[in-house]
N, C-alpha and C. Protein backbone atom coordinates (compact mmCIF):
# COMPACT_ATOMS: atom_id res chain seq x y z
N UNK A 1 0.79 -1.23 0.02
CA UNK A 1 -0.03 -0.02 0.00
C UNK A 1 0.83 1.32 0.00
N UNK A 2 2.18 1.16 -0.02
CA UNK A 2 3.07 2.30 -0.01
C UNK A 2 2.71 3.34 -1.09
N UNK A 3 2.24 2.84 -2.26
CA UNK A 3 2.04 3.80 -3.32
C UNK A 3 0.79 4.69 -3.07
N UNK A 4 -0.13 4.37 -2.39
CA UNK A 4 -1.31 5.12 -2.09
C UNK A 4 -1.04 6.51 -1.48
N UNK A 5 -0.24 6.55 -0.56
CA UNK A 5 0.17 7.77 0.12
C UNK A 5 0.74 8.72 -0.92
N UNK A 6 1.72 8.17 -1.72
CA UNK A 6 2.35 9.12 -2.75
C UNK A 6 1.47 9.55 -3.90
N UNK A 7 0.54 8.61 -4.31
CA UNK A 7 -0.28 8.89 -5.41
C UNK A 7 -1.42 9.88 -4.99
N UNK A 8 -1.81 9.91 -3.73
CA UNK A 8 -2.92 10.77 -3.28
C UNK A 8 -2.46 12.06 -2.73
N UNK A 9 -1.13 12.27 -2.66
CA UNK A 9 -0.58 13.59 -2.38
C UNK A 9 -0.45 14.57 -3.42
N UNK A 10 -1.31 15.72 -3.29
CA UNK A 10 -1.40 16.68 -4.25
C UNK A 10 -0.16 17.55 -4.31
N UNK A 11 0.81 17.50 -3.47
CA UNK A 11 1.97 18.28 -3.48
C UNK A 11 2.98 17.93 -4.60
N UNK A 12 2.73 16.71 -5.13
CA UNK A 12 3.63 16.23 -6.23
C UNK A 12 2.97 16.33 -7.66
N UNK A 13 3.80 16.56 -8.64
CA UNK A 13 3.31 16.41 -9.99
C UNK A 13 3.19 14.92 -10.41
N UNK A 14 2.53 14.64 -11.51
CA UNK A 14 2.41 13.26 -11.97
C UNK A 14 3.78 12.63 -12.21
N UNK A 15 4.70 13.32 -12.72
CA UNK A 15 6.00 12.70 -12.98
C UNK A 15 6.75 12.48 -11.65
N UNK A 16 6.62 13.40 -10.72
CA UNK A 16 7.25 13.28 -9.39
C UNK A 16 6.68 11.96 -8.65
N UNK A 17 5.36 11.91 -8.82
CA UNK A 17 4.77 10.75 -8.18
C UNK A 17 5.29 9.42 -8.82
N UNK A 18 5.33 9.44 -10.10
CA UNK A 18 5.92 8.17 -10.80
C UNK A 18 7.23 7.77 -10.25
N UNK A 19 8.13 8.84 -10.17
CA UNK A 19 9.52 8.57 -9.81
C UNK A 19 9.57 8.23 -8.25
N UNK A 20 8.75 8.75 -7.40
CA UNK A 20 8.69 8.43 -6.02
C UNK A 20 8.24 6.92 -5.94
N UNK A 21 7.26 6.57 -6.51
CA UNK A 21 6.69 5.22 -6.48
C UNK A 21 7.77 4.23 -6.97
N UNK A 22 8.37 4.59 -8.06
CA UNK A 22 9.54 3.61 -8.60
C UNK A 22 10.66 3.57 -7.64
N UNK A 23 11.02 4.77 -6.92
CA UNK A 23 12.03 4.75 -6.04
C UNK A 23 11.77 3.81 -4.91
N UNK A 24 10.56 3.83 -4.45
CA UNK A 24 10.09 3.12 -3.25
C UNK A 24 9.97 1.64 -3.68
N UNK A 25 9.46 1.27 -4.89
CA UNK A 25 9.38 -0.03 -5.37
C UNK A 25 10.75 -0.66 -5.52
N UNK A 26 11.72 0.08 -6.23
CA UNK A 26 13.04 -0.50 -6.33
C UNK A 26 13.85 -0.65 -4.89
N UNK A 27 13.50 0.26 -4.03
CA UNK A 27 13.97 0.05 -2.62
C UNK A 27 13.45 -1.18 -2.03
N UNK A 28 12.13 -1.56 -2.12
CA UNK A 28 11.52 -2.73 -1.69
C UNK A 28 12.29 -3.97 -2.29
N UNK A 29 12.54 -3.97 -3.52
CA UNK A 29 13.18 -5.08 -4.29
C UNK A 29 14.60 -5.14 -3.83
N UNK A 30 15.23 -4.01 -3.42
CA UNK A 30 16.56 -4.04 -2.84
C UNK A 30 16.73 -4.76 -1.65
N UNK A 31 15.59 -4.95 -0.94
CA UNK A 31 15.76 -5.69 0.31
C UNK A 31 15.98 -7.17 0.21
N UNK A 32 15.69 -7.57 -1.09
CA UNK A 32 15.85 -9.06 -1.37
C UNK A 32 17.12 -9.10 -2.32
N UNK A 33 17.23 -8.28 -3.30
CA UNK A 33 18.35 -8.28 -4.18
C UNK A 33 18.90 -6.81 -4.30
N UNK A 34 20.16 -6.54 -3.91
CA UNK A 34 20.62 -5.30 -3.52
C UNK A 34 20.82 -4.28 -4.78
N UNK A 35 21.01 -4.80 -5.93
CA UNK A 35 21.19 -3.89 -7.05
C UNK A 35 19.99 -3.75 -7.93
N UNK A 36 19.40 -2.56 -7.98
CA UNK A 36 18.13 -2.34 -8.67
C UNK A 36 18.33 -1.04 -9.45
N UNK A 37 17.47 -1.03 -10.49
CA UNK A 37 17.36 0.17 -11.28
C UNK A 37 16.09 0.21 -12.10
N UNK A 38 15.78 1.34 -12.70
CA UNK A 38 14.65 1.39 -13.55
C UNK A 38 14.77 2.47 -14.52
N UNK A 39 13.91 2.40 -15.65
CA UNK A 39 14.00 3.32 -16.71
C UNK A 39 12.58 3.73 -17.24
N UNK A 40 12.26 4.96 -17.24
CA UNK A 40 10.94 5.30 -17.84
C UNK A 40 11.05 5.03 -19.45
N UNK A 41 9.82 4.68 -19.91
CA UNK A 41 9.64 4.53 -21.30
C UNK A 41 8.53 5.58 -21.70
N UNK A 42 9.05 6.45 -22.61
CA UNK A 42 8.25 7.56 -23.05
C UNK A 42 8.41 7.73 -24.59
N UNK A 43 7.52 8.44 -25.24
CA UNK A 43 7.70 8.67 -26.67
C UNK A 43 8.61 9.87 -26.94
N UNK A 44 8.48 10.79 -26.01
CA UNK A 44 9.44 12.02 -26.18
C UNK A 44 9.94 12.36 -24.77
N UNK A 45 10.99 13.14 -24.68
CA UNK A 45 11.46 13.60 -23.32
C UNK A 45 10.44 14.14 -22.48
N UNK A 46 9.49 14.96 -22.96
CA UNK A 46 8.53 15.68 -22.15
C UNK A 46 7.13 14.97 -22.13
N UNK A 47 6.98 13.88 -22.89
CA UNK A 47 5.69 13.28 -23.00
C UNK A 47 5.47 12.33 -21.81
N UNK A 48 4.18 11.82 -21.65
CA UNK A 48 3.88 11.00 -20.60
C UNK A 48 4.54 9.69 -20.58
N UNK A 49 4.74 9.14 -19.41
CA UNK A 49 5.53 7.95 -19.36
C UNK A 49 4.35 6.79 -19.58
N UNK A 50 4.88 5.81 -20.49
CA UNK A 50 4.03 4.73 -20.87
C UNK A 50 4.04 3.72 -19.72
N UNK A 51 5.33 3.27 -19.52
CA UNK A 51 5.53 2.31 -18.40
C UNK A 51 6.97 2.40 -17.93
N UNK A 52 7.46 1.60 -16.96
CA UNK A 52 8.85 1.61 -16.61
C UNK A 52 9.33 0.18 -16.65
N UNK A 53 10.62 0.05 -17.04
CA UNK A 53 11.39 -1.14 -17.05
C UNK A 53 12.16 -1.16 -15.58
N UNK A 54 12.01 -2.23 -14.95
CA UNK A 54 12.70 -2.23 -13.67
C UNK A 54 13.48 -3.61 -13.62
N UNK A 55 14.50 -3.64 -12.78
CA UNK A 55 15.24 -4.91 -12.62
C UNK A 55 15.86 -5.01 -11.30
N UNK A 56 16.31 -6.05 -10.85
CA UNK A 56 16.98 -6.29 -9.62
C UNK A 56 17.97 -7.44 -9.68
N UNK A 57 19.00 -7.46 -8.99
CA UNK A 57 20.02 -8.51 -9.13
C UNK A 57 20.87 -8.51 -7.86
N UNK A 58 21.51 -9.68 -7.63
CA UNK A 58 22.37 -9.82 -6.41
C UNK A 58 23.78 -9.52 -6.82
N UNK A 59 24.09 -9.19 -8.14
CA UNK A 59 25.52 -9.09 -8.42
C UNK A 59 25.65 -7.61 -9.02
N UNK A 60 26.71 -6.81 -8.63
CA UNK A 60 26.91 -5.47 -8.92
C UNK A 60 27.17 -5.26 -10.31
N UNK A 61 27.72 -6.26 -11.00
CA UNK A 61 28.00 -6.10 -12.49
C UNK A 61 26.60 -6.00 -13.31
N UNK A 62 25.66 -6.51 -12.79
CA UNK A 62 24.42 -6.43 -13.48
C UNK A 62 23.86 -4.86 -13.49
N UNK A 63 24.21 -4.22 -12.40
CA UNK A 63 23.72 -2.81 -12.25
C UNK A 63 24.50 -2.03 -13.25
N UNK A 64 25.87 -2.31 -13.64
CA UNK A 64 26.65 -1.60 -14.66
C UNK A 64 26.20 -1.94 -16.00
N UNK A 65 25.84 -3.23 -16.24
CA UNK A 65 25.47 -3.65 -17.56
C UNK A 65 24.06 -3.17 -17.93
N UNK A 66 23.18 -3.28 -17.04
CA UNK A 66 21.81 -2.72 -17.25
C UNK A 66 21.83 -1.19 -17.49
N UNK A 67 22.63 -0.47 -16.64
CA UNK A 67 22.81 0.84 -16.80
C UNK A 67 23.19 1.28 -18.21
N UNK A 68 24.22 0.62 -18.70
CA UNK A 68 24.77 0.92 -20.08
C UNK A 68 23.84 0.74 -21.14
N UNK A 69 23.15 -0.43 -20.97
CA UNK A 69 22.17 -0.73 -21.93
C UNK A 69 20.92 0.28 -21.99
N UNK A 70 20.47 0.49 -20.81
CA UNK A 70 19.27 1.57 -20.69
C UNK A 70 19.57 3.04 -20.99
N UNK A 71 20.89 3.27 -20.60
CA UNK A 71 21.26 4.73 -20.79
C UNK A 71 21.46 4.84 -22.46
N UNK A 72 21.99 3.94 -23.06
CA UNK A 72 22.19 4.09 -24.55
C UNK A 72 20.94 3.97 -25.27
N UNK A 73 20.01 3.02 -24.88
CA UNK A 73 18.68 2.95 -25.52
C UNK A 73 17.73 4.16 -25.31
N UNK A 74 17.79 4.58 -24.08
CA UNK A 74 16.94 5.77 -23.77
C UNK A 74 17.45 7.15 -24.47
N UNK A 75 18.84 7.23 -24.47
CA UNK A 75 19.35 8.37 -25.09
C UNK A 75 19.27 8.45 -26.48
N UNK A 76 19.46 7.29 -27.10
CA UNK A 76 19.22 7.23 -28.61
C UNK A 76 17.95 7.43 -29.02
N UNK A 77 16.95 6.79 -28.29
CA UNK A 77 15.51 6.96 -28.64
C UNK A 77 15.05 8.49 -28.47
N UNK A 78 15.41 9.02 -27.35
CA UNK A 78 14.91 10.46 -27.13
C UNK A 78 15.57 11.42 -28.07
N UNK A 79 16.86 11.16 -28.51
CA UNK A 79 17.47 11.95 -29.56
C UNK A 79 16.74 11.82 -30.83
N UNK A 80 16.45 10.64 -31.23
CA UNK A 80 15.64 10.51 -32.51
C UNK A 80 14.30 11.08 -32.44
N UNK A 81 13.63 10.92 -31.33
CA UNK A 81 12.30 11.61 -31.16
C UNK A 81 12.36 13.18 -31.22
N UNK A 82 13.33 13.67 -30.80
CA UNK A 82 13.55 15.19 -30.75
C UNK A 82 14.04 15.72 -31.92
N UNK A 83 14.95 15.08 -32.64
CA UNK A 83 15.74 15.65 -33.72
C UNK A 83 15.62 14.97 -35.12
N UNK A 84 14.81 14.01 -35.25
CA UNK A 84 14.61 13.29 -36.59
C UNK A 84 14.19 14.53 -37.60
N UNK A 85 14.95 14.64 -38.72
CA UNK A 85 14.59 15.44 -39.73
C UNK A 85 15.18 16.86 -39.52
N UNK A 86 16.00 17.05 -38.58
CA UNK A 86 16.70 18.25 -38.30
C UNK A 86 18.14 18.13 -38.48
N UNK A 87 18.87 19.29 -38.45
CA UNK A 87 20.36 19.24 -38.62
C UNK A 87 21.05 18.58 -37.46
N UNK A 88 20.32 18.55 -36.31
CA UNK A 88 20.99 17.89 -35.12
C UNK A 88 20.81 16.44 -35.15
N UNK A 89 20.13 15.97 -36.09
CA UNK A 89 19.98 14.38 -36.23
C UNK A 89 21.23 13.72 -36.35
N UNK A 90 22.22 14.25 -37.01
CA UNK A 90 23.47 13.62 -37.22
C UNK A 90 24.44 13.53 -36.03
N UNK A 91 24.15 14.40 -35.01
CA UNK A 91 25.10 14.38 -33.87
C UNK A 91 24.68 13.15 -32.97
N UNK A 92 25.59 12.73 -32.10
CA UNK A 92 25.33 11.73 -31.02
C UNK A 92 24.45 12.32 -29.98
N UNK A 93 23.65 11.56 -29.33
CA UNK A 93 22.81 11.99 -28.25
C UNK A 93 23.67 12.33 -27.04
N UNK A 94 24.92 11.76 -27.01
CA UNK A 94 25.82 12.17 -25.78
C UNK A 94 26.44 13.62 -25.95
N UNK A 95 26.45 14.13 -27.20
CA UNK A 95 27.09 15.39 -27.37
C UNK A 95 26.03 16.66 -27.08
N UNK A 96 24.84 16.31 -26.85
CA UNK A 96 23.78 17.44 -26.58
C UNK A 96 23.55 17.53 -25.04
N UNK A 97 23.21 18.83 -24.71
CA UNK A 97 23.07 19.14 -23.32
C UNK A 97 21.69 18.73 -22.78
N UNK A 98 21.36 17.48 -22.59
CA UNK A 98 20.24 16.94 -22.07
C UNK A 98 20.11 17.40 -20.65
N UNK A 99 18.95 17.81 -20.23
CA UNK A 99 18.62 18.37 -18.91
C UNK A 99 18.85 17.24 -17.91
N UNK A 100 18.59 16.07 -18.25
CA UNK A 100 18.69 14.87 -17.21
C UNK A 100 20.09 14.44 -17.01
N UNK A 101 21.01 14.81 -17.97
CA UNK A 101 22.37 14.43 -17.80
C UNK A 101 23.13 15.44 -16.99
N UNK A 102 23.23 15.38 -15.71
CA UNK A 102 23.90 16.31 -14.90
C UNK A 102 25.47 16.26 -15.07
N UNK A 103 26.15 16.99 -14.38
CA UNK A 103 27.62 17.06 -14.49
C UNK A 103 28.24 15.79 -13.84
N UNK A 104 28.73 14.92 -14.54
CA UNK A 104 29.25 13.72 -13.90
C UNK A 104 30.55 14.10 -13.17
N UNK A 105 31.45 14.95 -13.62
CA UNK A 105 32.57 15.22 -12.76
C UNK A 105 32.31 15.73 -11.42
N UNK A 106 31.24 16.59 -11.32
CA UNK A 106 30.91 16.99 -9.97
C UNK A 106 30.37 15.96 -9.10
N UNK A 107 29.56 15.06 -9.64
CA UNK A 107 29.01 13.94 -8.94
C UNK A 107 30.13 13.03 -8.41
N UNK A 108 31.15 12.82 -9.24
CA UNK A 108 32.34 11.94 -8.85
C UNK A 108 32.96 12.74 -7.71
N UNK A 109 33.32 13.99 -7.86
CA UNK A 109 34.05 14.62 -6.73
C UNK A 109 33.28 14.64 -5.49
N UNK A 110 31.95 14.87 -5.43
CA UNK A 110 31.12 14.86 -4.34
C UNK A 110 31.12 13.60 -3.72
N UNK A 111 31.02 12.40 -4.49
CA UNK A 111 30.80 11.13 -3.86
C UNK A 111 32.23 10.63 -3.25
N UNK A 112 33.35 11.10 -3.99
CA UNK A 112 34.68 10.65 -3.42
C UNK A 112 34.99 11.33 -2.05
N UNK A 113 34.35 12.52 -1.87
CA UNK A 113 34.53 13.09 -0.46
C UNK A 113 33.78 12.24 0.52
N UNK A 114 32.73 11.72 0.20
CA UNK A 114 31.88 10.80 1.19
C UNK A 114 32.59 9.56 1.31
N UNK A 115 33.25 8.97 0.35
CA UNK A 115 33.90 7.62 0.49
C UNK A 115 35.35 7.62 -0.10
N UNK A 116 36.28 8.28 0.49
CA UNK A 116 37.57 8.31 0.03
C UNK A 116 38.22 7.01 0.16
N UNK A 117 39.09 6.68 -0.82
CA UNK A 117 39.87 5.40 -0.72
C UNK A 117 38.96 4.20 -1.34
N UNK A 118 37.86 4.35 -1.91
CA UNK A 118 37.15 3.26 -2.57
C UNK A 118 37.76 3.06 -3.97
N UNK A 119 37.54 1.84 -4.45
CA UNK A 119 38.13 1.72 -5.84
C UNK A 119 37.26 2.30 -6.97
N UNK A 120 37.72 2.50 -8.04
CA UNK A 120 37.09 3.10 -9.21
C UNK A 120 35.94 2.33 -9.45
N UNK A 121 35.81 0.95 -9.42
CA UNK A 121 34.63 0.18 -9.70
C UNK A 121 33.61 0.40 -8.56
N UNK A 122 34.11 0.42 -7.30
CA UNK A 122 33.09 0.55 -6.18
C UNK A 122 32.50 1.92 -6.34
N UNK A 123 33.29 3.05 -6.54
CA UNK A 123 32.74 4.36 -6.71
C UNK A 123 31.65 4.32 -7.83
N UNK A 124 31.82 3.81 -8.93
CA UNK A 124 30.75 3.65 -10.02
C UNK A 124 29.60 3.15 -9.62
N UNK A 125 29.70 1.91 -8.87
CA UNK A 125 28.50 1.23 -8.38
C UNK A 125 27.77 2.14 -7.46
N UNK A 126 28.40 2.84 -6.57
CA UNK A 126 27.63 3.82 -5.68
C UNK A 126 27.00 4.90 -6.48
N UNK A 127 27.73 5.38 -7.39
CA UNK A 127 27.03 6.51 -8.31
C UNK A 127 25.84 5.93 -8.96
N UNK A 128 25.96 4.77 -9.51
CA UNK A 128 24.78 4.33 -10.27
C UNK A 128 23.59 4.01 -9.35
N UNK A 129 23.76 3.69 -7.99
CA UNK A 129 22.71 3.53 -7.17
C UNK A 129 21.80 4.79 -7.14
N UNK A 130 22.52 5.91 -7.21
CA UNK A 130 21.88 7.21 -7.10
C UNK A 130 21.56 7.83 -8.40
N UNK A 131 22.20 7.56 -9.42
CA UNK A 131 22.07 8.12 -10.77
C UNK A 131 22.04 7.14 -11.83
N UNK A 132 21.13 6.17 -11.79
CA UNK A 132 20.98 5.15 -12.83
C UNK A 132 20.50 5.68 -14.11
N UNK A 133 21.02 5.20 -15.21
CA UNK A 133 20.74 5.43 -16.59
C UNK A 133 21.03 6.96 -17.04
N UNK A 134 21.92 7.60 -16.36
CA UNK A 134 22.33 8.95 -16.72
C UNK A 134 23.51 8.90 -17.64
N UNK A 135 24.60 8.21 -17.22
CA UNK A 135 25.86 8.08 -17.91
C UNK A 135 26.19 6.65 -18.20
N UNK A 136 27.07 6.44 -19.14
CA UNK A 136 27.60 5.15 -19.46
C UNK A 136 28.99 4.80 -18.69
N UNK A 137 29.32 3.62 -18.58
CA UNK A 137 30.54 3.29 -17.99
C UNK A 137 31.75 3.95 -18.75
N UNK A 138 31.64 4.02 -19.97
CA UNK A 138 32.87 4.61 -20.58
C UNK A 138 32.98 6.02 -20.30
N UNK A 139 31.90 6.74 -20.28
CA UNK A 139 31.89 8.14 -19.89
C UNK A 139 32.42 8.37 -18.50
N UNK A 140 32.02 7.52 -17.54
CA UNK A 140 32.54 7.49 -16.15
C UNK A 140 34.04 7.33 -16.18
N UNK A 141 34.51 6.36 -16.94
CA UNK A 141 36.06 6.07 -16.92
C UNK A 141 36.77 7.22 -17.56
N UNK A 142 36.19 7.80 -18.56
CA UNK A 142 36.82 9.01 -19.24
C UNK A 142 36.84 10.29 -18.20
N UNK A 143 35.85 10.45 -17.42
CA UNK A 143 35.76 11.45 -16.56
C UNK A 143 36.86 11.33 -15.40
N UNK A 144 37.03 10.09 -15.03
CA UNK A 144 37.94 9.71 -13.93
C UNK A 144 39.33 10.11 -14.41
N UNK A 145 39.62 9.65 -15.74
CA UNK A 145 40.90 9.96 -16.29
C UNK A 145 41.21 11.61 -16.42
N UNK A 146 40.15 12.22 -16.84
CA UNK A 146 40.23 13.66 -16.84
C UNK A 146 40.54 14.38 -15.49
N UNK A 147 39.75 13.89 -14.55
CA UNK A 147 39.90 14.45 -13.13
C UNK A 147 41.27 14.06 -12.59
N UNK A 148 41.91 13.00 -12.87
CA UNK A 148 43.22 12.57 -12.51
C UNK A 148 44.23 13.50 -13.25
N UNK A 149 44.08 13.71 -14.52
CA UNK A 149 44.98 14.49 -15.42
C UNK A 149 44.92 15.90 -15.03
N UNK A 150 43.74 16.39 -14.60
CA UNK A 150 43.59 17.83 -14.13
C UNK A 150 44.00 18.10 -12.72
N UNK A 151 44.32 17.00 -12.00
CA UNK A 151 44.91 17.14 -10.65
C UNK A 151 43.91 17.30 -9.63
N UNK A 152 42.57 16.94 -9.98
CA UNK A 152 41.44 16.98 -8.93
C UNK A 152 41.27 15.69 -8.24
N UNK A 153 41.74 14.64 -8.77
CA UNK A 153 41.75 13.28 -8.15
C UNK A 153 43.21 12.71 -8.13
N UNK A 154 43.39 11.86 -7.23
CA UNK A 154 44.66 11.04 -7.24
C UNK A 154 44.19 9.57 -7.02
N UNK A 155 45.16 8.73 -7.47
CA UNK A 155 44.84 7.35 -7.27
C UNK A 155 45.99 6.49 -6.64
N UNK A 156 45.78 5.42 -6.13
CA UNK A 156 46.89 4.48 -5.68
C UNK A 156 46.45 3.10 -6.27
N UNK A 157 47.48 2.44 -6.82
CA UNK A 157 47.39 1.14 -7.51
C UNK A 157 48.65 0.41 -7.38
N UNK A 158 48.65 -0.81 -7.01
CA UNK A 158 49.95 -1.67 -6.92
C UNK A 158 50.66 -1.65 -8.31
N UNK A 159 49.86 -1.61 -9.34
CA UNK A 159 50.40 -1.67 -10.67
C UNK A 159 50.89 -0.33 -11.21
N UNK A 160 50.38 0.75 -10.44
CA UNK A 160 50.62 2.00 -10.94
C UNK A 160 49.71 2.50 -11.96
N UNK A 161 48.71 1.66 -12.43
CA UNK A 161 47.89 1.96 -13.52
C UNK A 161 46.43 2.40 -12.92
N UNK A 162 45.75 3.21 -13.62
CA UNK A 162 44.35 3.54 -13.25
C UNK A 162 43.53 2.56 -13.81
N UNK A 163 42.94 1.56 -12.98
CA UNK A 163 42.15 0.60 -13.30
C UNK A 163 41.07 0.46 -12.33
N UNK A 164 40.07 -0.51 -12.52
CA UNK A 164 38.89 -0.59 -11.61
C UNK A 164 39.28 -0.97 -10.20
N UNK A 165 40.40 -1.41 -9.90
CA UNK A 165 40.88 -1.72 -8.57
C UNK A 165 41.62 -0.56 -7.91
N UNK A 166 42.06 0.43 -8.67
CA UNK A 166 42.78 1.56 -8.14
C UNK A 166 41.85 2.33 -7.12
N UNK A 167 42.40 2.68 -6.12
CA UNK A 167 41.72 3.50 -5.01
C UNK A 167 41.91 4.86 -5.31
N UNK A 168 40.73 5.63 -5.19
CA UNK A 168 40.61 7.08 -5.54
C UNK A 168 40.55 7.97 -4.33
N UNK A 169 41.12 9.12 -4.37
CA UNK A 169 41.10 10.19 -3.35
C UNK A 169 40.99 11.59 -4.09
N UNK A 170 40.50 12.61 -3.27
CA UNK A 170 40.47 13.98 -3.76
C UNK A 170 42.02 14.35 -3.66
N UNK A 171 42.35 15.13 -4.63
CA UNK A 171 43.78 15.71 -4.63
C UNK A 171 43.94 16.86 -3.69
């Protein structure tokens, strides 16, 4: 019955209600299988939600895999819906300033302050729990490289290489 309180609350818009219900639903799933996520299915970025795809798993790699699949599918579809037949059609969806694609570098820096010394992979899993379907794994790894190059992050690794096992710290 958790959804009734949310859906009957007039302080939320329809889209906020949907997101709150899905957040609560995946939190309930997470009590049994800890890695969960969901993706809205719409015809356009501002259109009504038709339904949600949700998943849960006991393995963290599932979260990363499903994130990449859903991020790419959602981004490509929304790009086509918005720009088909225009000059922007030829650009990649990743190159445009989508409102829902917040600044990944700032999210990384904020999260590393909360959990210094975690591995690159552990940090990504933590980010995905809060920001599922926003960025891909390759975008994340690229941002980490840029933050290290720019002197905002440092890492420690027995091999001296920046890989998934490298521990990250604010510089």
